[in-house]
Amino acid sequence: MGRQKKPRYCRGFAGFNLFKPSGIPLSQLQFIEIALDELEAMRLCDLEGHDQTQAALEMEISRGTIQRLLYSGRQKLISVIIYGKALVVQDSSHVIIRGPGHGMRHGRKRHG
């Protein structure tokens, strides 16, 4: 049995949790699930431009974990786009939601 996952701090996701190609009935699509922590790692690194070390500090996880989240999340997104699959955003029990602007815990603030 594997280790229990360390808590990962993520911004709440207020968007849609299901995306699909237009013109294809949902019943005919294969689903790919992306975890909220994968999405958060991509948001921090790819959208906001943080490097992996900054993103790891923000989420309070290791840089290696950020690398794994980025790799798996990007692979899923590319699969959805290239092969016309549906994407479902999944919450996880190890994800702790933090509102925007809360920065990091322990008194440190986000810069940027």
N, C-alpha and C. Protein backbone atom coordinates (compact mmCIF):
# COMPACT_ATOMS: atom_id res chain seq x y z
N MET A 1 0.85 -1.18 0.00
CA MET A 1 0.00 0.00 0.00
C MET A 1 0.89 1.24 0.00
N GLY A 2 0.54 2.24 -0.81
CA GLY A 2 1.33 3.46 -0.95
C GLY A 2 1.13 4.40 0.22
N ARG A 3 2.02 5.37 0.28
CA ARG A 3 1.93 6.41 1.31
C ARG A 3 0.71 7.29 1.07
N GLN A 4 0.20 7.84 2.16
CA GLN A 4 -0.89 8.80 2.04
C GLN A 4 -0.33 10.09 1.45
N LYS A 5 -1.08 10.71 0.54
CA LYS A 5 -0.61 11.93 -0.12
C LYS A 5 -0.61 13.09 0.85
N LYS A 6 0.44 13.91 0.75
CA LYS A 6 0.57 15.12 1.54
C LYS A 6 -0.48 16.13 1.07
N PRO A 7 -1.06 16.93 1.97
CA PRO A 7 -2.03 17.93 1.53
C PRO A 7 -1.44 18.86 0.49
N ARG A 8 -2.25 19.22 -0.49
CA ARG A 8 -1.83 20.12 -1.56
C ARG A 8 -2.79 21.31 -1.56
N TYR A 9 -2.23 22.49 -1.46
CA TYR A 9 -3.04 23.70 -1.37
C TYR A 9 -3.30 24.23 -2.77
N CYS A 10 -4.57 24.38 -3.11
CA CYS A 10 -4.99 24.81 -4.44
C CYS A 10 -6.00 25.94 -4.33
N ARG A 11 -6.04 26.75 -5.35
CA ARG A 11 -7.08 27.76 -5.46
C ARG A 11 -8.36 27.05 -5.86
N GLY A 12 -9.48 27.50 -5.35
CA GLY A 12 -10.76 26.92 -5.72
C GLY A 12 -11.01 27.01 -7.21
N PHE A 13 -11.67 26.02 -7.75
CA PHE A 13 -11.96 25.99 -9.18
C PHE A 13 -13.45 26.29 -9.35
N ALA A 14 -13.75 27.48 -9.87
CA ALA A 14 -15.14 27.91 -10.02
C ALA A 14 -15.64 27.76 -11.45
N GLY A 15 -14.82 27.16 -12.29
CA GLY A 15 -15.20 27.00 -13.70
C GLY A 15 -16.06 25.77 -13.90
N PHE A 16 -16.26 25.43 -15.14
CA PHE A 16 -17.00 24.23 -15.48
C PHE A 16 -16.13 23.02 -15.17
N ASN A 17 -16.75 21.92 -14.77
CA ASN A 17 -15.96 20.73 -14.45
C ASN A 17 -16.00 19.69 -15.56
N LEU A 18 -16.65 20.00 -16.68
CA LEU A 18 -16.71 19.09 -17.81
C LEU A 18 -16.53 19.88 -19.11
N PHE A 19 -15.59 19.43 -19.94
CA PHE A 19 -15.35 20.04 -21.24
C PHE A 19 -15.39 18.93 -22.28
N LYS A 20 -16.01 19.22 -23.42
CA LYS A 20 -16.11 18.21 -24.47
C LYS A 20 -16.07 18.87 -25.84
N PRO A 21 -15.69 18.10 -26.85
CA PRO A 21 -15.71 18.65 -28.20
C PRO A 21 -17.15 18.95 -28.62
N SER A 22 -17.36 20.01 -29.35
CA SER A 22 -18.71 20.34 -29.79
C SER A 22 -19.15 19.38 -30.90
N GLY A 23 -20.43 19.15 -30.97
CA GLY A 23 -21.00 18.35 -32.05
C GLY A 23 -20.94 16.85 -31.84
N ILE A 24 -20.37 16.38 -30.74
CA ILE A 24 -20.30 14.95 -30.47
C ILE A 24 -21.07 14.68 -29.18
N PRO A 25 -22.06 13.79 -29.23
CA PRO A 25 -22.82 13.48 -28.00
C PRO A 25 -21.90 12.94 -26.90
N LEU A 26 -22.16 13.35 -25.68
CA LEU A 26 -21.37 12.93 -24.54
C LEU A 26 -21.30 11.41 -24.42
N SER A 27 -22.37 10.74 -24.78
CA SER A 27 -22.41 9.27 -24.68
C SER A 27 -21.41 8.60 -25.61
N GLN A 28 -20.91 9.30 -26.61
CA GLN A 28 -19.96 8.72 -27.56
C GLN A 28 -18.51 9.07 -27.26
N LEU A 29 -18.28 9.77 -26.16
CA LEU A 29 -16.93 10.24 -25.86
C LEU A 29 -16.27 9.43 -24.75
N GLN A 30 -14.96 9.30 -24.87
CA GLN A 30 -14.16 8.74 -23.79
C GLN A 30 -13.83 9.89 -22.84
N PHE A 31 -13.84 9.63 -21.53
CA PHE A 31 -13.57 10.65 -20.53
C PHE A 31 -12.15 10.54 -20.01
N ILE A 32 -11.52 11.68 -19.82
CA ILE A 32 -10.22 11.78 -19.17
C ILE A 32 -10.44 12.64 -17.92
N GLU A 33 -9.98 12.14 -16.76
CA GLU A 33 -10.12 12.90 -15.52
C GLU A 33 -8.81 13.59 -15.19
N ILE A 34 -8.90 14.88 -14.91
CA ILE A 34 -7.73 15.64 -14.46
C ILE A 34 -7.99 16.08 -13.03
N ALA A 35 -7.03 15.84 -12.17
CA ALA A 35 -7.18 16.19 -10.76
C ALA A 35 -6.98 17.69 -10.55
N LEU A 36 -7.60 18.20 -9.53
CA LEU A 36 -7.51 19.63 -9.24
C LEU A 36 -6.07 20.05 -8.96
N ASP A 37 -5.26 19.20 -8.35
CA ASP A 37 -3.87 19.57 -8.11
C ASP A 37 -3.05 19.59 -9.40
N GLU A 38 -3.38 18.77 -10.38
CA GLU A 38 -2.72 18.84 -11.69
C GLU A 38 -3.06 20.17 -12.37
N LEU A 39 -4.33 20.54 -12.29
CA LEU A 39 -4.79 21.79 -12.88
C LEU A 39 -4.13 22.99 -12.19
N GLU A 40 -4.00 22.92 -10.87
CA GLU A 40 -3.38 24.01 -10.12
C GLU A 40 -1.90 24.16 -10.48
N ALA A 41 -1.20 23.06 -10.62
CA ALA A 41 0.21 23.12 -11.01
C ALA A 41 0.36 23.76 -12.39
N MET A 42 -0.51 23.41 -13.32
CA MET A 42 -0.46 24.01 -14.66
C MET A 42 -0.85 25.48 -14.61
N ARG A 43 -1.82 25.83 -13.77
CA ARG A 43 -2.21 27.24 -13.64
C ARG A 43 -1.04 28.06 -13.15
N LEU A 44 -0.37 27.58 -12.10
CA LEU A 44 0.74 28.33 -11.53
C LEU A 44 1.92 28.45 -12.51
N CYS A 45 2.30 27.35 -13.14
CA CYS A 45 3.49 27.34 -14.00
C CYS A 45 3.20 27.86 -15.41
N ASP A 46 2.15 27.38 -16.03
CA ASP A 46 1.89 27.69 -17.43
C ASP A 46 1.09 28.98 -17.63
N LEU A 47 0.17 29.27 -16.74
CA LEU A 47 -0.66 30.46 -16.90
C LEU A 47 -0.07 31.67 -16.19
N GLU A 48 0.36 31.48 -14.94
CA GLU A 48 0.89 32.60 -14.16
C GLU A 48 2.39 32.78 -14.30
N GLY A 49 3.08 31.81 -14.92
CA GLY A 49 4.50 31.96 -15.19
C GLY A 49 5.44 31.68 -14.03
N HIS A 50 4.96 31.04 -12.98
CA HIS A 50 5.85 30.68 -11.88
C HIS A 50 6.79 29.57 -12.33
N ASP A 51 8.00 29.55 -11.77
CA ASP A 51 8.84 28.39 -12.02
C ASP A 51 8.39 27.27 -11.07
N GLN A 52 8.92 26.07 -11.27
CA GLN A 52 8.46 24.92 -10.50
C GLN A 52 8.72 25.08 -9.01
N THR A 53 9.79 25.74 -8.65
CA THR A 53 10.11 25.95 -7.23
C THR A 53 9.07 26.86 -6.58
N GLN A 54 8.72 27.95 -7.27
CA GLN A 54 7.70 28.87 -6.75
C GLN A 54 6.35 28.16 -6.62
N ALA A 55 5.97 27.39 -7.63
CA ALA A 55 4.70 26.66 -7.59
C ALA A 55 4.68 25.65 -6.44
N ALA A 56 5.81 24.98 -6.23
CA ALA A 56 5.90 24.02 -5.13
C ALA A 56 5.71 24.71 -3.78
N LEU A 57 6.32 25.87 -3.61
CA LEU A 57 6.14 26.63 -2.37
C LEU A 57 4.69 27.05 -2.19
N GLU A 58 4.07 27.49 -3.26
CA GLU A 58 2.67 27.93 -3.21
C GLU A 58 1.73 26.79 -2.81
N MET A 59 1.98 25.60 -3.35
CA MET A 59 1.13 24.45 -3.07
C MET A 59 1.59 23.66 -1.84
N GLU A 60 2.77 24.04 -1.30
CA GLU A 60 3.37 23.39 -0.13
C GLU A 60 3.65 21.91 -0.37
N ILE A 61 4.25 21.64 -1.53
CA ILE A 61 4.67 20.29 -1.90
C ILE A 61 6.08 20.38 -2.49
N SER A 62 6.67 19.25 -2.81
CA SER A 62 8.03 19.26 -3.35
C SER A 62 8.03 19.65 -4.84
N ARG A 63 9.20 20.09 -5.29
CA ARG A 63 9.34 20.43 -6.71
C ARG A 63 9.18 19.18 -7.57
N GLY A 64 9.62 18.04 -7.08
CA GLY A 64 9.44 16.78 -7.81
C GLY A 64 7.97 16.44 -8.01
N THR A 65 7.17 16.72 -6.98
CA THR A 65 5.73 16.48 -7.11
C THR A 65 5.12 17.42 -8.15
N ILE A 66 5.57 18.68 -8.16
CA ILE A 66 5.11 19.62 -9.19
C ILE A 66 5.45 19.09 -10.58
N GLN A 67 6.67 18.58 -10.75
CA GLN A 67 7.06 18.02 -12.05
C GLN A 67 6.12 16.90 -12.46
N ARG A 68 5.81 16.00 -11.55
CA ARG A 68 4.92 14.87 -11.86
C ARG A 68 3.51 15.36 -12.19
N LEU A 69 3.02 16.35 -11.43
CA LEU A 69 1.69 16.90 -11.70
C LEU A 69 1.64 17.57 -13.07
N LEU A 70 2.67 18.33 -13.41
CA LEU A 70 2.72 18.99 -14.72
C LEU A 70 2.76 17.96 -15.84
N TYR A 71 3.58 16.94 -15.69
CA TYR A 71 3.71 15.92 -16.73
C TYR A 71 2.37 15.22 -16.95
N SER A 72 1.75 14.77 -15.88
CA SER A 72 0.49 14.01 -16.04
C SER A 72 -0.64 14.92 -16.52
N GLY A 73 -0.72 16.14 -15.99
CA GLY A 73 -1.78 17.06 -16.40
C GLY A 73 -1.67 17.47 -17.86
N ARG A 74 -0.45 17.79 -18.29
CA ARG A 74 -0.24 18.18 -19.69
C ARG A 74 -0.53 17.02 -20.63
N GLN A 75 -0.13 15.83 -20.24
CA GLN A 75 -0.38 14.64 -21.06
C GLN A 75 -1.89 14.43 -21.24
N LYS A 76 -2.65 14.63 -20.18
CA LYS A 76 -4.10 14.47 -20.26
C LYS A 76 -4.72 15.54 -21.15
N LEU A 77 -4.31 16.80 -20.99
CA LEU A 77 -4.86 17.87 -21.83
C LEU A 77 -4.57 17.65 -23.31
N ILE A 78 -3.35 17.24 -23.63
CA ILE A 78 -2.99 16.99 -25.02
C ILE A 78 -3.82 15.84 -25.58
N SER A 79 -4.04 14.80 -24.80
CA SER A 79 -4.85 13.67 -25.23
C SER A 79 -6.28 14.10 -25.53
N VAL A 80 -6.82 14.97 -24.68
CA VAL A 80 -8.18 15.49 -24.88
C VAL A 80 -8.27 16.26 -26.19
N ILE A 81 -7.30 17.13 -26.43
CA ILE A 81 -7.32 17.97 -27.63
C ILE A 81 -7.07 17.16 -28.90
N ILE A 82 -6.04 16.33 -28.89
CA ILE A 82 -5.65 15.58 -30.08
C ILE A 82 -6.67 14.51 -30.45
N TYR A 83 -7.19 13.80 -29.46
CA TYR A 83 -8.07 12.66 -29.73
C TYR A 83 -9.56 12.96 -29.52
N GLY A 84 -9.90 14.20 -29.21
CA GLY A 84 -11.31 14.59 -29.09
C GLY A 84 -12.04 13.88 -27.96
N LYS A 85 -11.43 13.87 -26.78
CA LYS A 85 -12.05 13.24 -25.60
C LYS A 85 -12.70 14.31 -24.74
N ALA A 86 -13.49 13.87 -23.76
CA ALA A 86 -14.09 14.79 -22.79
C ALA A 86 -13.16 14.89 -21.58
N LEU A 87 -13.07 16.07 -20.99
CA LEU A 87 -12.23 16.31 -19.82
C LEU A 87 -13.11 16.60 -18.61
N VAL A 88 -12.85 15.88 -17.53
CA VAL A 88 -13.59 16.06 -16.28
C VAL A 88 -12.60 16.51 -15.20
N VAL A 89 -12.88 17.62 -14.52
CA VAL A 89 -12.04 18.10 -13.42
C VAL A 89 -12.54 17.45 -12.14
N GLN A 90 -11.62 16.72 -11.48
CA GLN A 90 -11.97 15.98 -10.27
C GLN A 90 -11.33 16.61 -9.04
N ASP A 91 -12.09 16.71 -7.96
CA ASP A 91 -11.55 17.13 -6.67
C ASP A 91 -10.96 15.90 -6.00
N SER A 92 -10.08 16.11 -5.05
CA SER A 92 -9.44 15.00 -4.34
C SER A 92 -9.44 15.28 -2.85
N SER A 93 -9.43 14.22 -2.05
CA SER A 93 -9.47 14.39 -0.60
C SER A 93 -8.19 15.03 -0.06
N HIS A 94 -7.08 14.93 -0.79
CA HIS A 94 -5.82 15.50 -0.31
C HIS A 94 -5.62 16.96 -0.74
N VAL A 95 -6.60 17.53 -1.44
CA VAL A 95 -6.52 18.92 -1.88
C VAL A 95 -7.24 19.81 -0.87
N ILE A 96 -6.56 20.86 -0.45
CA ILE A 96 -7.14 21.84 0.46
C ILE A 96 -7.34 23.12 -0.34
N ILE A 97 -8.58 23.59 -0.38
CA ILE A 97 -8.92 24.77 -1.18
C ILE A 97 -8.58 26.03 -0.39
N ARG A 98 -7.92 26.94 -1.08
CA ARG A 98 -7.54 28.23 -0.50
C ARG A 98 -7.97 29.29 -1.49
N GLY A 99 -8.58 30.35 -1.01
CA GLY A 99 -9.05 31.41 -1.89
C GLY A 99 -7.92 32.20 -2.52
N PRO A 100 -8.19 32.92 -3.61
CA PRO A 100 -7.16 33.73 -4.26
C PRO A 100 -6.65 34.82 -3.32
N GLY A 101 -5.36 35.10 -3.42
CA GLY A 101 -4.78 36.17 -2.62
C GLY A 101 -4.36 35.75 -1.22
N HIS A 102 -4.53 34.48 -0.87
CA HIS A 102 -4.14 34.04 0.46
C HIS A 102 -2.66 33.76 0.58
N GLY A 103 -1.97 33.66 -0.54
CA GLY A 103 -0.53 33.42 -0.50
C GLY A 103 -0.21 32.11 0.17
N MET A 104 0.98 32.03 0.72
CA MET A 104 1.41 30.80 1.36
C MET A 104 1.18 30.88 2.85
N ARG A 105 1.16 29.73 3.48
CA ARG A 105 1.00 29.69 4.93
C ARG A 105 2.29 30.11 5.60
N HIS A 106 2.29 30.09 6.91
CA HIS A 106 3.46 30.39 7.73
C HIS A 106 3.92 31.83 7.56
N GLY A 107 3.01 32.74 7.25
CA GLY A 107 3.33 34.15 7.21
C GLY A 107 4.01 34.65 5.94
N ARG A 108 4.32 33.75 5.02
CA ARG A 108 4.97 34.19 3.78
C ARG A 108 3.90 34.63 2.79
N LYS A 109 4.21 35.60 2.02
CA LYS A 109 3.27 36.12 1.02
C LYS A 109 3.79 35.82 -0.37
N ARG A 110 2.85 35.67 -1.30
CA ARG A 110 3.20 35.49 -2.70
C ARG A 110 3.72 36.78 -3.28
N HIS A 111 4.71 36.68 -4.10
CA HIS A 111 5.22 37.85 -4.81
C HIS A 111 4.84 37.75 -6.26
N GLY A 112 4.55 38.84 -6.90
CA GLY A 112 4.27 38.77 -8.33
C GLY A 112 3.17 39.56 -8.71
